[in-house]
Protein backbone atom coordinates (compact mmCIF):
# COMPACT_ATOMS: atom_id res chain seq x y z
CA MET A 1 -112.11 46.30 192.47
CA THR A 2 -110.38 44.58 195.39
CA GLU A 3 -112.27 46.81 197.84
CA ARG A 4 -115.61 45.82 196.32
CA ILE A 5 -114.78 42.14 196.67
CA GLU A 6 -114.00 42.75 200.34
CA GLN A 7 -117.39 44.39 200.79
CA ARG A 8 -119.07 41.43 199.12
CA TYR A 9 -117.39 39.06 201.57
CA CYS A 10 -118.62 41.29 204.39
CA ILE A 11 -122.15 41.13 202.96
CA LYS A 12 -121.86 37.34 202.78
CA PHE A 13 -120.62 37.22 206.41
CA CYS A 14 -123.55 39.36 207.64
CA GLN A 15 -126.06 37.25 205.72
CA LYS A 16 -124.66 34.07 207.23
CA LEU A 17 -124.98 35.59 210.73
CA GLY A 18 -128.68 36.20 210.11
CA ASP A 19 -128.58 39.98 209.76
CA SER A 20 -131.35 41.64 207.77
CA GLN A 21 -130.73 43.74 204.66
CA SER A 22 -131.11 47.02 206.56
CA GLN A 23 -128.65 45.87 209.22
CA THR A 24 -126.16 44.76 206.57
CA ILE A 25 -126.43 48.10 204.72
CA ARG A 26 -125.88 50.02 207.95
CA LYS A 27 -122.79 47.99 208.88
CA ILE A 28 -121.22 48.29 205.37
CA GLN A 29 -121.75 52.05 205.34
CA GLN A 30 -120.36 52.36 208.88
CA VAL A 31 -117.18 50.44 208.04
CA PHE A 32 -116.39 51.72 204.51
CA GLY A 33 -117.88 55.20 204.72
CA GLU A 34 -117.83 57.08 201.42
CA ASP A 35 -116.30 54.08 199.64
CA ALA A 36 -119.25 51.86 200.50
CA MET A 37 -121.19 50.16 197.71
CA GLY A 38 -124.56 51.55 196.72
CA VAL A 39 -127.69 50.40 198.56
CA THR A 40 -129.04 48.69 195.43
CA GLN A 41 -125.82 46.72 194.94
CA ILE A 42 -125.70 45.68 198.59
CA LYS A 43 -129.27 44.39 198.39
CA GLU A 44 -128.55 42.56 195.12
CA TRP A 45 -125.50 40.73 196.55
CA PHE A 46 -127.32 40.04 199.81
CA ASN A 47 -130.10 38.24 197.89
CA ARG A 48 -127.54 36.32 195.80
CA PHE A 49 -125.82 34.96 198.89
CA LYS A 50 -129.22 34.25 200.44
CA ASP A 51 -130.15 32.17 197.37
CA GLY A 52 -127.06 30.02 197.81
CA ARG A 53 -124.33 31.80 195.87
CA THR A 54 -120.88 31.18 197.31
CA SER A 55 -118.49 33.14 195.06
CA ALA A 56 -117.95 36.85 195.53
CA GLU A 57 -116.24 37.22 192.15
CA SER A 58 -117.99 38.86 189.20
CA GLU A 59 -119.21 36.59 186.43
CA GLN A 60 -117.22 36.44 183.20
CA ARG A 61 -118.74 38.42 180.35
CA CYS A 62 -117.95 38.04 176.67
CA GLY A 63 -118.31 41.77 176.06
CA ARG A 64 -119.42 43.46 172.89
CA PRO A 65 -118.89 41.30 169.79
CA GLN A 66 -116.04 42.48 167.58
CA THR A 67 -117.89 42.96 164.32
CA ALA A 68 -116.82 46.51 163.39
CA ARG A 69 -113.48 45.45 161.79
CA SER A 70 -114.29 41.99 160.55
CA ALA A 71 -113.06 40.79 157.16
CA ALA A 72 -116.51 41.31 155.65
CA VAL A 73 -116.71 44.91 156.88
CA VAL A 74 -113.20 45.68 155.65
CA GLU A 75 -114.08 44.29 152.23
CA ARG A 76 -117.25 46.41 152.09
CA VAL A 77 -115.25 49.53 152.94
CA ARG A 78 -112.68 48.62 150.28
CA ASN A 79 -115.38 48.25 147.62
CA LEU A 80 -116.98 51.56 148.57
CA VAL A 81 -113.70 53.45 148.40
CA MET A 82 -112.69 51.84 145.11
CA ALA A 83 -116.05 52.85 143.62
CA ASP A 84 -115.83 56.46 144.86
CA ARG A 85 -112.56 57.69 146.32
CA ARG A 86 -114.10 61.00 147.41
CA LEU A 87 -116.38 59.49 150.05
CA THR A 88 -115.96 60.99 153.50
CA VAL A 89 -115.42 58.94 156.65
CA ARG A 90 -118.93 59.85 157.81
CA GLU A 91 -120.50 58.63 154.57
CA ILE A 92 -118.53 55.37 154.72
CA ALA A 93 -119.52 54.80 158.36
CA GLU A 94 -123.20 55.40 157.63
CA GLU A 95 -123.17 53.14 154.58
CA VAL A 96 -121.42 50.23 156.32
CA GLY A 97 -123.11 50.69 159.72
CA VAL A 98 -120.04 51.26 161.91
CA SER A 99 -118.78 54.19 163.94
CA LYS A 100 -116.64 56.95 162.41
CA HIS A 101 -113.71 55.81 164.54
CA SER A 102 -113.98 52.24 163.22
CA ALA A 103 -114.32 53.43 159.61
CA HIS A 104 -111.25 55.63 159.97
CA ALA A 105 -109.29 52.77 161.59
CA ILE A 106 -110.21 50.43 158.72
CA LEU A 107 -109.05 52.97 156.14
CA ARG A 108 -105.82 53.76 157.96
CA ASP A 109 -104.75 50.42 159.43
CA ASP A 110 -106.45 47.68 157.38
CA LEU A 111 -106.42 49.31 153.93
CA ASN A 112 -103.30 51.46 154.48
CA MET A 113 -104.95 54.50 152.90
CA ASN A 114 -104.93 58.19 153.70
CA ARG A 115 -106.87 61.08 152.22
CA VAL A 116 -104.91 63.58 150.14
CA ALA A 117 -105.88 66.58 148.08
CA ALA A 118 -105.28 66.59 144.34
CA LYS A 119 -102.06 68.33 143.31
CA PHE A 120 -102.45 71.25 140.93
CA VAL A 121 -100.31 70.96 137.80
CA PRO A 122 -100.25 73.21 134.73
CA LYS A 123 -100.88 70.42 132.23
CA LEU A 124 -101.93 66.77 132.32
CA LEU A 125 -100.07 64.79 129.70
CA SER A 126 -101.96 62.27 127.60
CA PRO A 127 -100.57 58.73 127.13
CA GLU A 128 -99.45 59.72 123.61
CA GLN A 129 -97.59 62.74 124.96
CA LYS A 130 -95.93 60.60 127.61
CA ASP A 131 -94.79 58.16 124.95
CA LEU A 132 -93.46 60.99 122.80
CA ARG A 133 -91.67 62.47 125.79
CA ARG A 134 -90.03 59.12 126.50
CA ASP A 135 -89.01 58.60 122.87
CA VAL A 136 -87.51 62.08 122.54
CA ALA A 137 -85.58 61.73 125.78
CA GLN A 138 -84.25 58.30 124.79
CA ASP A 139 -83.24 59.59 121.36
CA LEU A 140 -81.36 62.56 122.85
CA LEU A 141 -79.70 60.33 125.44
CA ASP A 142 -78.52 57.89 122.75
CA THR A 143 -77.19 60.76 120.65
CA ALA A 144 -75.35 62.32 123.59
CA ASN A 145 -73.82 58.96 124.54
CA THR A 146 -72.80 58.17 120.96
CA ASP A 147 -71.36 61.63 120.31
CA PRO A 148 -69.92 63.12 123.55
CA GLY A 149 -69.48 66.50 121.86
CA PHE A 150 -73.08 66.76 120.67
CA LEU A 151 -74.36 68.92 123.53
CA ASN A 152 -71.39 71.29 123.09
CA THR A 153 -72.82 72.30 119.70
CA VAL A 154 -76.35 73.05 120.94
CA LYS A 155 -77.59 76.64 121.30
CA THR A 156 -80.70 76.67 123.48
CA GLY A 157 -82.96 79.65 124.08
CA ASP A 158 -86.36 80.95 125.09
CA GLU A 159 -88.27 84.08 126.10
CA SER A 160 -89.39 85.21 129.54
CA TRP A 161 -90.71 88.32 131.28
CA VAL A 162 -88.44 90.24 133.65
CA TYR A 163 -90.57 92.31 136.06
CA GLY A 164 -89.95 95.66 137.68
CA TYR A 165 -91.00 94.05 140.93
CA ASP A 166 -91.27 90.29 141.53
CA PRO A 167 -92.21 89.25 145.11
CA GLU A 168 -89.51 87.33 146.89
CA THR A 169 -90.07 83.65 147.56
CA LYS A 170 -91.00 82.16 150.90
CA GLY A 171 -87.47 80.88 151.36
CA GLN A 172 -85.95 84.29 150.62
CA SER A 173 -88.16 85.99 153.20
CA SER A 174 -87.36 83.50 155.98
CA GLN A 175 -85.08 84.65 158.81
CA TRP A 176 -83.67 83.47 162.12
CA LYS A 177 -85.48 84.43 165.31
CA HIS A 178 -85.37 83.76 169.05
CA PRO A 179 -88.25 81.84 170.67
CA GLU A 180 -89.47 85.01 172.38
CA SER A 181 -89.22 87.15 169.22
CA PRO A 182 -92.40 87.77 167.19
CA ARG A 183 -92.74 86.02 163.87
CA PRO A 184 -92.00 88.31 160.89
CA LYS A 185 -94.90 89.20 158.64
CA LYS A 186 -95.23 90.35 155.06
CA ALA A 187 -98.21 91.55 153.06
CA ARG A 188 -99.43 89.74 149.98
CA GLN A 189 -97.87 91.37 146.94
CA VAL A 190 -98.16 90.91 143.18
CA ARG A 191 -95.84 91.44 140.26
CA SER A 192 -95.60 94.93 138.85
CA LYS A 193 -97.09 95.93 135.53
CA ILE A 194 -93.70 97.21 134.37
CA LYS A 195 -91.99 94.32 132.63
CA VAL A 196 -89.60 93.55 129.78
CA MET A 197 -89.54 90.54 127.46
CA LEU A 198 -86.07 88.94 127.45
CA THR A 199 -84.96 86.57 124.69
CA VAL A 200 -81.71 84.74 125.40
CA PHE A 201 -79.66 81.96 123.76
CA PHE A 202 -76.68 80.22 125.36
CA ASP A 203 -74.49 77.17 125.01
CA VAL A 204 -71.96 75.31 127.13
CA ARG A 205 -69.52 78.26 126.89
CA GLY A 206 -71.91 80.99 127.99
CA ILE A 207 -74.38 83.54 126.62
CA VAL A 208 -74.40 83.65 122.81
CA HIS A 209 -77.09 86.26 122.24
CA HIS A 210 -79.68 88.12 124.26
CA GLU A 211 -82.02 91.00 123.50
CA TYR A 212 -85.05 92.76 124.92
CA ALA A 213 -88.25 93.15 122.93
CA PRO A 214 -89.46 96.72 122.27
CA GLU A 215 -92.19 97.97 124.55
CA GLY A 216 -95.56 96.58 123.47
CA GLN A 217 -94.00 93.93 121.24
CA THR A 218 -95.28 90.35 121.48
CA VAL A 219 -93.46 87.24 120.32
CA THR A 220 -94.83 86.59 116.85
CA LYS A 221 -93.35 84.50 114.08
CA GLU A 222 -92.13 87.66 112.32
CA TYR A 223 -90.43 88.94 115.47
CA TYR A 224 -88.85 85.55 116.19
CA HIS A 225 -87.65 85.39 112.57
CA ASP A 226 -85.72 88.62 113.13
CA VAL A 227 -84.35 87.27 116.43
CA LEU A 228 -82.96 84.18 114.67
CA ARG A 229 -81.24 86.38 112.08
CA ARG A 230 -79.51 88.27 114.86
CA LEU A 231 -78.66 84.96 116.55
CA ARG A 232 -76.86 83.79 113.38
CA ASP A 233 -74.82 86.98 113.38
CA ALA A 234 -73.94 86.41 117.05
CA VAL A 235 -72.82 82.84 116.34
CA ARG A 236 -70.65 84.10 113.46
CA ARG A 237 -68.96 86.68 115.72
CA LYS A 238 -68.71 84.76 119.02
CA ARG A 239 -68.39 81.14 117.79
CA PRO A 240 -66.43 81.42 114.53
CA ASP A 241 -65.28 77.78 114.72
CA MET A 242 -68.88 76.52 114.76
CA TRP A 243 -69.89 79.05 112.11
CA THR A 244 -67.16 77.81 109.80
CA ALA A 245 -67.90 74.13 110.41
CA ASN A 246 -71.67 74.79 110.33
CA ASN A 247 -72.18 72.09 112.97
CA TRP A 248 -74.24 73.94 115.58
CA HIS A 249 -77.79 72.98 116.52
CA LEU A 250 -80.72 75.06 117.75
CA HIS A 251 -82.95 74.05 120.65
CA HIS A 252 -86.17 75.87 121.51
CA ASP A 253 -89.61 74.90 122.77
CA ASN A 254 -92.80 74.26 120.79
CA ALA A 255 -94.38 77.70 121.11
CA PRO A 256 -96.51 78.68 118.11
CA ALA A 257 -94.03 81.36 117.04
CA HIS A 258 -91.18 78.82 117.16
CA SER A 259 -92.95 76.09 115.19
CA SER A 260 -94.48 78.22 112.42
CA GLN A 261 -93.83 77.49 108.77
CA LEU A 262 -91.91 80.76 108.43
CA ILE A 263 -89.40 79.62 111.03
CA HIS A 264 -89.12 76.12 109.55
CA THR A 265 -88.39 77.64 106.14
CA PHE A 266 -85.76 79.99 107.57
CA LEU A 267 -83.96 77.18 109.42
CA ALA A 268 -84.04 74.89 106.39
CA ARG A 269 -82.68 77.61 104.09
CA HIS A 270 -79.70 78.23 106.35
CA GLY A 271 -79.09 74.56 107.16
CA ILE A 272 -79.77 74.92 110.91
CA THR A 273 -80.84 71.64 112.49
CA THR A 274 -83.04 71.69 115.57
CA VAL A 275 -83.05 69.54 118.70
CA ARG A 276 -86.49 68.16 119.49
CA GLN A 277 -88.34 69.31 122.58
CA PRO A 278 -91.22 67.24 124.07
CA PRO A 279 -94.51 69.15 124.46
CA TYR A 280 -95.30 70.74 127.83
CA SER A 281 -91.92 69.75 129.28
CA PRO A 282 -90.26 72.80 130.86
CA ASP A 283 -88.15 70.47 133.00
CA LEU A 284 -86.33 69.43 129.81
CA ALA A 285 -85.67 73.01 128.66
CA PRO A 286 -82.43 74.48 130.15
CA CYS A 287 -83.85 78.01 130.11
CA ASP A 288 -86.85 76.95 132.18
CA PHE A 289 -85.22 74.65 134.71
CA TRP A 290 -81.96 76.59 135.14
CA LEU A 291 -81.27 79.96 133.45
CA PHE A 292 -84.46 81.90 134.17
CA PRO A 293 -84.65 80.84 137.86
CA LYS A 294 -80.95 81.68 138.28
CA LEU A 295 -81.46 85.07 136.63
CA LYS A 296 -84.67 86.08 138.40
CA THR A 297 -84.02 84.82 141.93
CA PRO A 298 -81.49 87.59 142.82
CA LEU A 299 -83.89 90.19 141.36
CA LYS A 300 -86.88 89.10 143.44
CA GLY A 301 -87.82 91.58 146.13
CA SER A 302 -86.09 94.50 144.38
CA ARG A 303 -88.03 97.37 142.83
CA PHE A 304 -87.06 98.86 139.48
CA GLU A 305 -88.96 101.97 138.57
CA SER A 306 -88.14 102.15 134.88
CA ARG A 307 -87.61 99.91 131.90
CA GLU A 308 -83.98 101.01 131.63
CA GLU A 309 -83.32 99.97 135.21
CA ILE A 310 -84.76 96.53 134.52
CA LEU A 311 -82.55 96.14 131.45
CA ARG A 312 -79.43 97.20 133.32
CA ASN A 313 -79.92 94.85 136.29
CA ALA A 314 -81.01 91.86 134.19
CA THR A 315 -77.99 92.26 131.89
CA THR A 316 -75.68 92.51 134.89
CA GLU A 317 -77.02 89.26 136.32
CA LEU A 318 -76.61 87.51 132.96
CA ASN A 319 -73.00 88.63 132.64
CA THR A 320 -72.07 87.49 136.16
CA ILE A 321 -72.96 83.83 135.53
CA PRO A 322 -69.65 81.91 135.34
CA LYS A 323 -68.78 79.51 132.55
CA GLU A 324 -68.67 76.57 134.98
CA ASP A 325 -72.38 77.03 135.71
CA PHE A 326 -73.27 76.74 132.03
CA GLN A 327 -71.25 73.53 131.78
CA ARG A 328 -72.99 72.16 134.88
CA CYS A 329 -76.38 73.05 133.36
CA PHE A 330 -75.68 70.96 130.25
CA ARG A 331 -74.56 68.02 132.37
CA GLN A 332 -77.81 68.27 134.31
CA TRP A 333 -79.72 68.46 131.05
CA LYS A 334 -78.20 65.18 129.92
CA ASP A 335 -79.03 63.59 133.29
CA ARG A 336 -82.66 64.58 132.84
CA PHE A 337 -82.86 62.54 129.65
CA GLY A 338 -82.42 59.46 131.84
CA ARG A 339 -79.36 58.30 133.70
CA PRO A 340 -78.22 54.74 132.76
CA GLN A 341 -78.18 52.45 135.77
CA VAL A 342 -75.26 50.18 136.63
CA ASP A 343 -75.62 46.78 138.27
CA VAL A 344 -74.53 47.85 141.73
CA SER A 345 -76.38 48.04 145.02
CA SER A 346 -77.43 51.40 146.40
CA THR A 347 -75.33 50.77 149.52
CA CYS A 348 -72.15 50.23 147.49
CA GLU A 349 -72.89 53.28 145.36
CA GLU A 350 -73.51 55.45 148.40
CA LEU A 351 -70.36 54.31 150.21
CA ASN A 352 -68.18 54.70 147.11
CA THR A 353 -69.50 58.25 146.70
CA LYS A 354 -68.58 59.04 150.30
CA ILE A 355 -65.09 57.60 149.90
CA LYS A 356 -64.42 59.68 146.76
CA SER A 357 -65.84 62.87 148.29
CA THR A 358 -63.28 65.67 148.76
CA THR A 359 -65.25 67.32 151.58
CA LEU A 360 -65.25 64.26 153.85
CA ASN A 361 -62.77 64.20 156.74
CA GLU A 362 -60.31 61.36 157.20
CA ALA A 363 -62.19 59.67 160.04
CA ALA A 364 -65.49 59.61 158.10
CA ARG A 365 -63.71 58.28 154.99
CA CYS A 366 -62.09 55.46 156.97
CA SER A 367 -65.45 54.60 158.51
CA ALA A 368 -67.04 54.42 155.03
CA GLU A 369 -64.23 52.18 153.77
CA VAL A 370 -64.69 49.78 156.70
CA GLU A 371 -68.45 49.74 156.18
CA LEU A 372 -67.95 48.94 152.49
CA VAL A 373 -65.65 46.01 153.33
CA VAL A 374 -68.19 44.62 155.82
CA HIS A 375 -71.00 45.04 153.30
CA LYS A 376 -69.08 43.15 150.59
CA ARG A 377 -68.23 40.34 153.02
CA ARG A 378 -71.90 39.94 153.87
CA ALA A 379 -72.66 39.86 150.15
CA LYS A 380 -70.02 37.19 149.60
CA LYS A 381 -71.50 35.15 152.42
CA ILE A 382 -74.95 35.12 150.88
CA TYR A 383 -73.49 34.30 147.45
CA ASN A 384 -71.73 31.29 148.99
CA LYS A 385 -75.04 30.29 150.56
CA LEU A 386 -76.70 30.44 147.15
CA GLN A 387 -74.01 28.19 145.70
CA SER A 388 -74.48 25.61 148.44
CA VAL A 389 -78.27 25.49 148.10
CA THR A 390 -77.86 25.25 144.32
CA GLU A 391 -75.74 22.14 144.73
CA LEU A 392 -78.28 20.74 147.20
CA SER A 393 -81.19 21.25 144.81
CA LYS A 394 -79.31 19.63 141.93
CA ASN A 395 -78.40 16.55 143.98
CA ASP A 396 -81.72 16.09 145.82
CA PRO A 397 -84.77 15.61 143.56
CA LYS A 398 -87.12 16.56 146.43
CA VAL A 399 -85.54 19.98 146.91
CA SER A 400 -86.01 22.99 144.67
CA ASP A 401 -84.52 26.43 145.29
CA ILE A 402 -85.85 29.53 143.63
CA VAL A 403 -84.78 33.15 144.02
CA PHE A 404 -86.83 36.27 143.38
CA ASP A 405 -85.77 39.69 142.18
CA PHE A 406 -87.97 42.73 141.73
CA MET A 407 -86.80 45.84 139.88
CA LYS A 408 -88.50 49.16 139.37
CA ASP A 409 -86.82 50.75 136.37
CA LEU A 410 -85.88 54.41 136.34
CA PRO A 411 -88.45 56.39 134.32
CA LEU A 412 -87.48 58.19 131.16
CA PRO A 413 -86.71 60.97 131.40
CA LEU A 414 -85.30 61.40 134.89
CA LEU A 415 -87.41 64.08 136.57
CA PRO A 416 -86.78 66.04 139.76
CA VAL A 417 -89.29 65.94 142.60
CA GLN A 418 -91.51 68.79 141.59
CA GLU A 419 -95.12 69.40 140.67
CA MET A 420 -94.99 67.58 137.35
CA PHE A 421 -93.10 64.52 138.61
CA TYR A 422 -96.04 62.41 139.76
CA LEU A 423 -97.97 62.84 136.53
CA ARG A 424 -95.10 62.44 134.05
CA LYS A 425 -93.31 59.39 135.34
CA PHE A 426 -93.56 56.19 133.35
CA TRP A 427 -92.40 53.37 135.59
CA TYR A 428 -91.65 49.93 134.21
CA TYR A 429 -91.45 46.87 136.48
CA VAL A 430 -89.51 43.66 136.06
CA PHE A 431 -90.12 40.66 138.34
CA ASN A 432 -87.79 37.68 137.90
CA VAL A 433 -88.08 34.15 139.29
CA HIS A 434 -84.87 32.11 138.89
CA ASP A 435 -84.77 28.33 139.37
CA LEU A 436 -81.39 27.35 140.81
CA LYS A 437 -81.95 23.68 139.96
CA THR A 438 -82.37 24.16 136.22
CA GLY A 439 -80.88 27.61 135.77
CA GLN A 440 -84.04 28.81 134.02
CA SER A 441 -85.69 32.17 134.69
CA VAL A 442 -89.19 33.53 134.28
CA PHE A 443 -89.62 37.27 133.73
CA TYR A 444 -92.77 39.28 134.32
CA ASN A 445 -92.66 42.70 132.61
CA TYR A 446 -95.41 45.23 133.14
CA SER A 447 -95.91 48.99 133.24
CA GLU A 448 -97.27 51.24 135.93
CA GLY A 449 -100.75 50.97 134.40
CA GLU A 450 -101.31 47.49 135.86
CA ALA A 451 -102.54 47.75 139.45
CA LYS A 452 -101.75 45.34 142.30
CA LYS A 453 -98.83 43.69 140.52
CA GLY A 454 -96.13 44.08 143.15
CA PRO A 455 -93.50 41.49 144.13
CA ASN A 456 -95.74 39.83 146.72
CA GLU A 457 -98.58 39.24 144.26
CA ARG A 458 -96.16 37.85 141.67
CA ARG A 459 -94.51 35.55 144.19
CA ILE A 460 -97.84 34.28 145.56
CA ALA A 461 -99.04 33.59 142.02
CA TYR A 462 -95.85 31.76 141.06
CA VAL A 463 -95.07 29.53 144.06
CA PRO A 464 -98.30 27.48 144.49
CA GLU A 465 -99.03 27.16 140.76
CA LYS A 466 -95.80 26.98 138.76
CA LEU A 467 -93.65 24.86 141.03
CA PRO A 468 -96.07 22.01 141.83
CA SER A 469 -97.11 21.62 138.21
CA LYS A 470 -93.51 21.84 137.11
CA TYR A 471 -92.34 18.97 139.34
CA GLY A 472 -95.48 16.83 139.12
CA VAL A 473 -96.66 17.07 142.73
CA HIS A 474 -99.78 18.47 144.35
CA SER A 475 -99.52 21.72 146.25
CA GLU A 476 -100.56 20.07 149.55
CA GLU A 477 -97.83 17.45 149.10
CA TYR A 478 -95.10 19.91 148.22
CA LEU A 479 -92.30 20.59 150.69
CA PRO A 480 -92.56 23.70 152.88
CA ILE A 481 -90.97 26.79 151.41
CA ARG A 482 -88.05 28.26 153.36
CA THR A 483 -87.18 31.86 152.56
CA VAL A 484 -83.65 33.26 152.72
CA THR A 485 -83.36 37.03 152.44
CA PRO A 486 -80.17 37.93 150.57
CA VAL A 487 -78.03 41.02 150.92
CA VAL A 488 -77.68 42.43 147.41
CA ALA A 489 -74.40 44.15 146.68
CA GLY A 490 -72.29 45.11 143.73
CA MET A 491 -68.97 43.32 143.67
């Protein structure tokens, strides 16, 4: 750009000397060579200087108007996407009249949205099933908390196929390799047709009863009736204390064979109480979330040519599970009902866990202890600040201090991050506004079904409306709001 300005000054100099256009073009090309301006540009600037122009600088231009990402366009894109979330970027751009790049930027930057594919899940729970799931989990959690020995009396069981060949998982087939080594490959494989139906019951002490269905047998109510008779005999032999006290409970899922009238009659006749199981909830069945994966994972990738070989290897795996693993399974089962939350900050909880850890070295433990002390001192500082502003608000009628707190309750039951998590959660939100002057609080409670009700929306709705009307002043006359961000900690 600087070189072009120099050429323009040279054109101006030649024009002032009285040179013609052809002479000026020849001199510019002779001096600047390949970097010389084009003939048309030289003529244009020559005529400008001839008409009286004095500046060699380019004129300021406003450029293309920025209309692609205006507030109106962003709102149009928002309305389109809310009406049909499956629109493509091309369709949105054509409808609004902007480029694909601008439409994508609006979606990503202005609306904070990204396109995702729907997650496949085995079953979508209805609102009634979600409510039932929550109620059952809460009931079991209350029972387990009231009676610490309740879960020790539960015998849980289910059926599952054990295959002659079950392809190994992606994680099992992974291996270490050098950068120059070729990546390992494996062909797509399917489960074998040779399989055996395993029925197993266990408790906190270990396996109580297991058996394999005869070849060709399906799980019917008559077959399951015979299985329960053999289970009672196993409890009498292996758990004589529970048999004598008659205080053991049965837990199984809601399969048709398990919930038939024949089974209900059998259980009622023998005084066997059952533990409720929510529908379509394998994550709350110990056999599904723990025993069967633990049993089948070591067998994956191995080929068993006969039914007898399957029985032998499956029984060996069952017998090698230690008692401590069964106890850990029942503790995890209780956690899945919903872990009660204590009033302590996540930072304090994390640091206390590190300090109590037996695998942490001395230096890391000392570092965690120092960090916990610093964290609590910062918490104490902000608490002292709250006390001082409280006194100020009580003594000065023109000052009001309010604090906000937003809590997202843990869903019931507590679910792991798996396929069913995002469709089974039932979040409950609590937003609290506390007036330090009067000591009064306002709570907003709402479930996950209410959209756009986050802490910012609640705060914006509360501050300009509630406070001015509460203290008898207009919003434009009210004092500016100063925000202090606290450090929340459990003391």
